[in-house]
Amino acid sequence: MTMSIPSARSVAFDLLAAVLRQKKSLDQALSENSNLGGLEVRDRGFARSITATTLRRLGQIDALIDIALDRPIPQK
């Protein structure tokens, strides 16, 4: 059995899920993510950058999605 190395994008997705769904801080999500340490330094930086930029721009992303939808997404 071979273990696959996670991509920076999949780690970023996991980090976003930890922050948005589990209500963790980004620092906590970064310190608790076991796959982050398996990435090369460059990829770790990329995963962190994707995550931080997405969180910083989340309001703008949501606004653009709202404009593009015919009807709003139901709130959970």
PDB file of N, CA and C in Angstrom:
ATOM      1  N   MET A   1       0.844  -1.171   0.000  1.00  0.00           N
ATOM      2  CA  MET A   1       0.000   0.000   0.000  1.00  0.00           C
ATOM      3  C   MET A   1       0.894   1.240   0.000  1.00  0.00           C
ATOM      4  N   THR A   2       0.627   2.156  -0.915  1.00  0.00           N
ATOM      5  CA  THR A   2       1.386   3.395  -0.958  1.00  0.00           C
ATOM      6  C   THR A   2       0.540   4.524  -0.396  1.00  0.00           C
ATOM      7  N   MET A   3       1.200   5.392   0.329  1.00  0.00           N
ATOM      8  CA  MET A   3       0.503   6.552   0.878  1.00  0.00           C
ATOM      9  C   MET A   3       0.724   7.719  -0.065  1.00  0.00           C
ATOM     10  N   SER A   4      -0.341   8.386  -0.409  1.00  0.00           N
ATOM     11  CA  SER A   4      -0.199   9.530  -1.299  1.00  0.00           C
ATOM     12  C   SER A   4       0.128  10.777  -0.482  1.00  0.00           C
ATOM     13  N   ILE A   5       0.922  11.617  -1.078  1.00  0.00           N
ATOM     14  CA  ILE A   5       1.279  12.881  -0.447  1.00  0.00           C
ATOM     15  C   ILE A   5       0.179  13.882  -0.784  1.00  0.00           C
ATOM     16  N   PRO A   6      -0.380  14.535   0.219  1.00  0.00           N
ATOM     17  CA  PRO A   6      -1.460  15.487  -0.063  1.00  0.00           C
ATOM     18  C   PRO A   6      -0.939  16.684  -0.852  1.00  0.00           C
ATOM     19  N   SER A   7      -1.809  17.254  -1.654  1.00  0.00           N
ATOM     20  CA  SER A   7      -1.431  18.456  -2.393  1.00  0.00           C
ATOM     21  C   SER A   7      -1.656  19.680  -1.511  1.00  0.00           C
ATOM     22  N   ALA A   8      -1.014  20.763  -1.872  1.00  0.00           N
ATOM     23  CA  ALA A   8      -1.196  22.016  -1.137  1.00  0.00           C
ATOM     24  C   ALA A   8      -2.658  22.446  -1.180  1.00  0.00           C
ATOM     25  N   ARG A   9      -3.307  22.207  -2.312  1.00  0.00           N
ATOM     26  CA  ARG A   9      -4.714  22.600  -2.446  1.00  0.00           C
ATOM     27  C   ARG A   9      -5.625  21.776  -1.538  1.00  0.00           C
ATOM     28  N   SER A  10      -5.347  20.479  -1.412  1.00  0.00           N
ATOM     29  CA  SER A  10      -6.186  19.655  -0.535  1.00  0.00           C
ATOM     30  C   SER A  10      -5.959  20.017   0.932  1.00  0.00           C
ATOM     31  N   VAL A  11      -4.738  20.365   1.282  1.00  0.00           N
ATOM     32  CA  VAL A  11      -4.459  20.813   2.648  1.00  0.00           C
ATOM     33  C   VAL A  11      -5.165  22.145   2.903  1.00  0.00           C
ATOM     34  N   ALA A  12      -5.143  23.044   1.923  1.00  0.00           N
ATOM     35  CA  ALA A  12      -5.841  24.327   2.068  1.00  0.00           C
ATOM     36  C   ALA A  12      -7.337  24.104   2.265  1.00  0.00           C
ATOM     37  N   PHE A  13      -7.896  23.157   1.529  1.00  0.00           N
ATOM     38  CA  PHE A  13      -9.318  22.833   1.696  1.00  0.00           C
ATOM     39  C   PHE A  13      -9.589  22.359   3.125  1.00  0.00           C
ATOM     40  N   ASP A  14      -8.738  21.474   3.634  1.00  0.00           N
ATOM     41  CA  ASP A  14      -8.905  20.982   5.000  1.00  0.00           C
ATOM     42  C   ASP A  14      -8.779  22.111   6.022  1.00  0.00           C
ATOM     43  N   LEU A  15      -7.849  23.022   5.778  1.00  0.00           N
ATOM     44  CA  LEU A  15      -7.684  24.161   6.685  1.00  0.00           C
ATOM     45  C   LEU A  15      -8.927  25.052   6.673  1.00  0.00           C
ATOM     46  N   LEU A  16      -9.459  25.306   5.482  1.00  0.00           N
ATOM     47  CA  LEU A  16     -10.680  26.114   5.383  1.00  0.00           C
ATOM     48  C   LEU A  16     -11.844  25.435   6.093  1.00  0.00           C
ATOM     49  N   ALA A  17     -11.955  24.128   5.937  1.00  0.00           N
ATOM     50  CA  ALA A  17     -13.024  23.391   6.615  1.00  0.00           C
ATOM     51  C   ALA A  17     -12.880  23.509   8.130  1.00  0.00           C
ATOM     52  N   ALA A  18     -11.655  23.424   8.618  1.00  0.00           N
ATOM     53  CA  ALA A  18     -11.432  23.536  10.062  1.00  0.00           C
ATOM     54  C   ALA A  18     -11.835  24.917  10.575  1.00  0.00           C
ATOM     55  N   VAL A  19     -11.525  25.949   9.809  1.00  0.00           N
ATOM     56  CA  VAL A  19     -11.852  27.311  10.234  1.00  0.00           C
ATOM     57  C   VAL A  19     -13.347  27.590  10.099  1.00  0.00           C
ATOM     58  N   LEU A  20     -13.918  27.249   8.953  1.00  0.00           N
ATOM     59  CA  LEU A  20     -15.308  27.632   8.685  1.00  0.00           C
ATOM     60  C   LEU A  20     -16.335  26.685   9.304  1.00  0.00           C
ATOM     61  N   ARG A  21     -16.049  25.408   9.327  1.00  0.00           N
ATOM     62  CA  ARG A  21     -17.026  24.445   9.855  1.00  0.00           C
ATOM     63  C   ARG A  21     -16.812  24.146  11.331  1.00  0.00           C
ATOM     64  N   GLN A  22     -15.548  24.020  11.712  1.00  0.00           N
ATOM     65  CA  GLN A  22     -15.248  23.651  13.096  1.00  0.00           C
ATOM     66  C   GLN A  22     -14.965  24.866  13.973  1.00  0.00           C
ATOM     67  N   LYS A  23     -14.998  26.061  13.364  1.00  0.00           N
ATOM     68  CA  LYS A  23     -14.829  27.334  14.085  1.00  0.00           C
ATOM     69  C   LYS A  23     -13.483  27.444  14.796  1.00  0.00           C
ATOM     70  N   LYS A  24     -12.448  26.873  14.185  1.00  0.00           N
ATOM     71  CA  LYS A  24     -11.103  26.996  14.745  1.00  0.00           C
ATOM     72  C   LYS A  24     -10.453  28.254  14.182  1.00  0.00           C
ATOM     73  N   SER A  25      -9.500  28.787  14.918  1.00  0.00           N
ATOM     74  CA  SER A  25      -8.727  29.900  14.372  1.00  0.00           C
ATOM     75  C   SER A  25      -7.794  29.338  13.301  1.00  0.00           C
ATOM     76  N   LEU A  26      -7.327  30.202  12.417  1.00  0.00           N
ATOM     77  CA  LEU A  26      -6.405  29.737  11.390  1.00  0.00           C
ATOM     78  C   LEU A  26      -5.131  29.195  12.023  1.00  0.00           C
ATOM     79  N   ASP A  27      -4.632  29.871  13.044  1.00  0.00           N
ATOM     80  CA  ASP A  27      -3.423  29.386  13.719  1.00  0.00           C
ATOM     81  C   ASP A  27      -3.633  28.000  14.313  1.00  0.00           C
ATOM     82  N   GLN A  28      -4.794  27.775  14.915  1.00  0.00           N
ATOM     83  CA  GLN A  28      -5.089  26.466  15.497  1.00  0.00           C
ATOM     84  C   GLN A  28      -5.199  25.409  14.401  1.00  0.00           C
ATOM     85  N   ALA A  29      -5.887  25.744  13.313  1.00  0.00           N
ATOM     86  CA  ALA A  29      -6.035  24.800  12.205  1.00  0.00           C
ATOM     87  C   ALA A  29      -4.669  24.443  11.617  1.00  0.00           C
ATOM     88  N   LEU A  30      -3.804  25.438  11.478  1.00  0.00           N
ATOM     89  CA  LEU A  30      -2.462  25.187  10.949  1.00  0.00           C
ATOM     90  C   LEU A  30      -1.666  24.271  11.874  1.00  0.00           C
ATOM     91  N   SER A  31      -1.743  24.515  13.161  1.00  0.00           N
ATOM     92  CA  SER A  31      -0.949  23.715  14.098  1.00  0.00           C
ATOM     93  C   SER A  31      -1.483  22.296  14.250  1.00  0.00           C
ATOM     94  N   GLU A  32      -2.780  22.094  14.016  1.00  0.00           N
ATOM     95  CA  GLU A  32      -3.375  20.770  14.192  1.00  0.00           C
ATOM     96  C   GLU A  32      -3.420  19.936  12.915  1.00  0.00           C
ATOM     97  N   ASN A  33      -3.132  20.527  11.771  1.00  0.00           N
ATOM     98  CA  ASN A  33      -3.230  19.788  10.508  1.00  0.00           C
ATOM     99  C   ASN A  33      -2.020  18.883  10.337  1.00  0.00           C
ATOM    100  N   SER A  34      -2.261  17.583  10.333  1.00  0.00           N
ATOM    101  CA  SER A  34      -1.161  16.616  10.257  1.00  0.00           C
ATOM    102  C   SER A  34      -0.547  16.525   8.862  1.00  0.00           C
ATOM    103  N   ASN A  35      -1.268  16.924   7.834  1.00  0.00           N
ATOM    104  CA  ASN A  35      -0.742  16.838   6.471  1.00  0.00           C
ATOM    105  C   ASN A  35       0.159  18.012   6.100  1.00  0.00           C
ATOM    106  N   LEU A  36       0.040  19.099   6.813  1.00  0.00           N
ATOM    107  CA  LEU A  36       0.815  20.292   6.487  1.00  0.00           C
ATOM    108  C   LEU A  36       2.317  20.026   6.579  1.00  0.00           C
ATOM    109  N   GLY A  37       2.730  19.307   7.593  1.00  0.00           N
ATOM    110  CA  GLY A  37       4.148  19.012   7.782  1.00  0.00           C
ATOM    111  C   GLY A  37       4.729  18.105   6.710  1.00  0.00           C
ATOM    112  N   GLY A  38       3.872  17.371   6.008  1.00  0.00           N
ATOM    113  CA  GLY A  38       4.339  16.484   4.958  1.00  0.00           C
ATOM    114  C   GLY A  38       4.605  17.184   3.638  1.00  0.00           C
ATOM    115  N   LEU A  39       4.224  18.449   3.567  1.00  0.00           N
ATOM    116  CA  LEU A  39       4.442  19.213   2.340  1.00  0.00           C
ATOM    117  C   LEU A  39       5.834  19.831   2.334  1.00  0.00           C
ATOM    118  N   GLU A  40       6.334  20.082   1.148  1.00  0.00           N
ATOM    119  CA  GLU A  40       7.587  20.821   1.037  1.00  0.00           C
ATOM    120  C   GLU A  40       7.334  22.256   1.490  1.00  0.00           C
ATOM    121  N   VAL A  41       8.389  22.942   1.862  1.00  0.00           N
ATOM    122  CA  VAL A  41       8.268  24.303   2.399  1.00  0.00           C
ATOM    123  C   VAL A  41       7.476  25.201   1.453  1.00  0.00           C
ATOM    124  N   ARG A  42       7.785  25.122   0.182  1.00  0.00           N
ATOM    125  CA  ARG A  42       7.095  25.954  -0.813  1.00  0.00           C
ATOM    126  C   ARG A  42       5.598  25.647  -0.836  1.00  0.00           C
ATOM    127  N   ASP A  43       5.240  24.362  -0.773  1.00  0.00           N
ATOM    128  CA  ASP A  43       3.835  23.970  -0.794  1.00  0.00           C
ATOM    129  C   ASP A  43       3.119  24.334   0.498  1.00  0.00           C
ATOM    130  N   ARG A  44       3.826  24.277   1.621  1.00  0.00           N
ATOM    131  CA  ARG A  44       3.221  24.712   2.891  1.00  0.00           C
ATOM    132  C   ARG A  44       2.852  26.187   2.808  1.00  0.00           C
ATOM    133  N   GLY A  45       3.749  26.981   2.267  1.00  0.00           N
ATOM    134  CA  GLY A  45       3.471  28.407   2.102  1.00  0.00           C
ATOM    135  C   GLY A  45       2.303  28.655   1.166  1.00  0.00           C
ATOM    136  N   PHE A  46       2.234  27.854   0.105  1.00  0.00           N
ATOM    137  CA  PHE A  46       1.141  27.988  -0.856  1.00  0.00           C
ATOM    138  C   PHE A  46      -0.193  27.634  -0.199  1.00  0.00           C
ATOM    139  N   ALA A  47      -0.233  26.551   0.570  1.00  0.00           N
ATOM    140  CA  ALA A  47      -1.466  26.145   1.262  1.00  0.00           C
ATOM    141  C   ALA A  47      -1.909  27.232   2.240  1.00  0.00           C
ATOM    142  N   ARG A  48      -0.966  27.779   2.967  1.00  0.00           N
ATOM    143  CA  ARG A  48      -1.296  28.849   3.920  1.00  0.00           C
ATOM    144  C   ARG A  48      -1.792  30.093   3.181  1.00  0.00           C
ATOM    145  N   SER A  49      -1.155  30.421   2.070  1.00  0.00           N
ATOM    146  CA  SER A  49      -1.553  31.591   1.287  1.00  0.00           C
ATOM    147  C   SER A  49      -2.955  31.435   0.705  1.00  0.00           C
ATOM    148  N   ILE A  50      -3.248  30.260   0.152  1.00  0.00           N
ATOM    149  CA  ILE A  50      -4.589  29.998  -0.384  1.00  0.00           C
ATOM    150  C   ILE A  50      -5.630  30.177   0.719  1.00  0.00           C
ATOM    151  N   THR A  51      -5.350  29.591   1.870  1.00  0.00           N
ATOM    152  CA  THR A  51      -6.301  29.635   2.984  1.00  0.00           C
ATOM    153  C   THR A  51      -6.501  31.058   3.490  1.00  0.00           C
ATOM    154  N   ALA A  52      -5.413  31.753   3.748  1.00  0.00           N
ATOM    155  CA  ALA A  52      -5.513  33.111   4.288  1.00  0.00           C
ATOM    156  C   ALA A  52      -6.195  34.056   3.301  1.00  0.00           C
ATOM    157  N   THR A  53      -5.870  33.935   2.028  1.00  0.00           N
ATOM    158  CA  THR A  53      -6.475  34.805   1.015  1.00  0.00           C
ATOM    159  C   THR A  53      -7.965  34.516   0.877  1.00  0.00           C
ATOM    160  N   THR A  54      -8.335  33.249   0.899  1.00  0.00           N
ATOM    161  CA  THR A  54      -9.748  32.887   0.813  1.00  0.00           C
ATOM    162  C   THR A  54     -10.523  33.447   1.999  1.00  0.00           C
ATOM    163  N   LEU A  55      -9.965  33.318   3.193  1.00  0.00           N
ATOM    164  CA  LEU A  55     -10.641  33.847   4.381  1.00  0.00           C
ATOM    165  C   LEU A  55     -10.728  35.371   4.332  1.00  0.00           C
ATOM    166  N   ARG A  56      -9.667  36.009   3.874  1.00  0.00           N
ATOM    167  CA  ARG A  56      -9.651  37.472   3.789  1.00  0.00           C
ATOM    168  C   ARG A  56     -10.669  37.978   2.767  1.00  0.00           C
ATOM    169  N   ARG A  57     -10.853  37.240   1.692  1.00  0.00           N
ATOM    170  CA  ARG A  57     -11.745  37.655   0.600  1.00  0.00           C
ATOM    171  C   ARG A  57     -13.118  36.986   0.651  1.00  0.00           C
ATOM    172  N   LEU A  58     -13.429  36.302   1.736  1.00  0.00           N
ATOM    173  CA  LEU A  58     -14.664  35.523   1.816  1.00  0.00           C
ATOM    174  C   LEU A  58     -15.913  36.375   1.608  1.00  0.00           C
ATOM    175  N   GLY A  59     -15.929  37.562   2.140  1.00  0.00           N
ATOM    176  CA  GLY A  59     -17.080  38.448   1.941  1.00  0.00           C
ATOM    177  C   GLY A  59     -17.278  38.788   0.476  1.00  0.00           C
ATOM    178  N   GLN A  60     -16.186  39.067  -0.213  1.00  0.00           N
ATOM    179  CA  GLN A  60     -16.270  39.372  -1.643  1.00  0.00           C
ATOM    180  C   GLN A  60     -16.692  38.147  -2.446  1.00  0.00           C
ATOM    181  N   ILE A  61     -16.166  36.990  -2.084  1.00  0.00           N
ATOM    182  CA  ILE A  61     -16.540  35.747  -2.766  1.00  0.00           C
ATOM    183  C   ILE A  61     -18.034  35.490  -2.590  1.00  0.00           C
ATOM    184  N   ASP A  62     -18.521  35.633  -1.356  1.00  0.00           N
ATOM    185  CA  ASP A  62     -19.950  35.428  -1.089  1.00  0.00           C
ATOM    186  C   ASP A  62     -20.809  36.417  -1.870  1.00  0.00           C
ATOM    187  N   ALA A  63     -20.377  37.670  -1.943  1.00  0.00           N
ATOM    188  CA  ALA A  63     -21.143  38.687  -2.670  1.00  0.00           C
ATOM    189  C   ALA A  63     -21.222  38.353  -4.160  1.00  0.00           C
ATOM    190  N   LEU A  64     -20.131  37.898  -4.737  1.00  0.00           N
ATOM    191  CA  LEU A  64     -20.136  37.526  -6.159  1.00  0.00           C
ATOM    192  C   LEU A  64     -21.023  36.315  -6.422  1.00  0.00           C
ATOM    193  N   ILE A  65     -20.998  35.364  -5.508  1.00  0.00           N
ATOM    194  CA  ILE A  65     -21.869  34.196  -5.655  1.00  0.00           C
ATOM    195  C   ILE A  65     -23.330  34.621  -5.568  1.00  0.00           C
ATOM    196  N   ASP A  66     -23.646  35.508  -4.620  1.00  0.00           N
ATOM    197  CA  ASP A  66     -25.021  35.998  -4.484  1.00  0.00           C
ATOM    198  C   ASP A  66     -25.504  36.675  -5.763  1.00  0.00           C
ATOM    199  N   ILE A  67     -24.641  37.443  -6.394  1.00  0.00           N
ATOM    200  CA  ILE A  67     -25.005  38.128  -7.638  1.00  0.00           C
ATOM    201  C   ILE A  67     -25.297  37.109  -8.742  1.00  0.00           C
ATOM    202  N   ALA A  68     -24.526  36.034  -8.771  1.00  0.00           N
ATOM    203  CA  ALA A  68     -24.648  35.049  -9.846  1.00  0.00           C
ATOM    204  C   ALA A  68     -25.833  34.096  -9.670  1.00  0.00           C
ATOM    205  N   LEU A  69     -26.368  34.000  -8.470  1.00  0.00           N
ATOM    206  CA  LEU A  69     -27.462  33.064  -8.213  1.00  0.00           C
ATOM    207  C   LEU A  69     -28.818  33.695  -8.496  1.00  0.00           C
ATOM    208  N   ASP A  70     -29.727  32.892  -9.018  1.00  0.00           N
ATOM    209  CA  ASP A  70     -31.095  33.357  -9.231  1.00  0.00           C
ATOM    210  C   ASP A  70     -31.851  33.478  -7.916  1.00  0.00           C
ATOM    211  N   ARG A  71     -31.520  32.593  -6.997  1.00  0.00           N
ATOM    212  CA  ARG A  71     -32.148  32.648  -5.678  1.00  0.00           C
ATOM    213  C   ARG A  71     -31.074  32.359  -4.633  1.00  0.00           C
ATOM    214  N   PRO A  72     -31.227  32.894  -3.437  1.00  0.00           N
ATOM    215  CA  PRO A  72     -30.184  32.735  -2.419  1.00  0.00           C
ATOM    216  C   PRO A  72     -30.049  31.284  -1.947  1.00  0.00           C
ATOM    217  N   ILE A  73     -28.873  30.975  -1.469  1.00  0.00           N
ATOM    218  CA  ILE A  73     -28.629  29.661  -0.881  1.00  0.00           C
ATOM    219  C   ILE A  73     -29.302  29.636   0.486  1.00  0.00           C
ATOM    220  N   PRO A  74     -30.075  28.583   0.789  1.00  0.00           N
ATOM    221  CA  PRO A  74     -30.731  28.525   2.102  1.00  0.00           C
ATOM    222  C   PRO A  74     -29.704  28.456   3.232  1.00  0.00           C
ATOM    223  N   GLN A  75     -29.972  29.172   4.294  1.00  0.00           N
ATOM    224  CA  GLN A  75     -29.102  29.151   5.468  1.00  0.00           C
ATOM    225  C   GLN A  75     -29.362  27.887   6.263  1.00  0.00           C
ATOM    226  N   LYS A  76     -28.308  27.316   6.820  1.00  0.00           N
ATOM    227  CA  LYS A  76     -28.464  26.105   7.647  1.00  0.00           C
ATOM    228  C   LYS A  76     -28.696  26.481   9.075  1.00  0.00           C
TER     229      LYS A  76
END
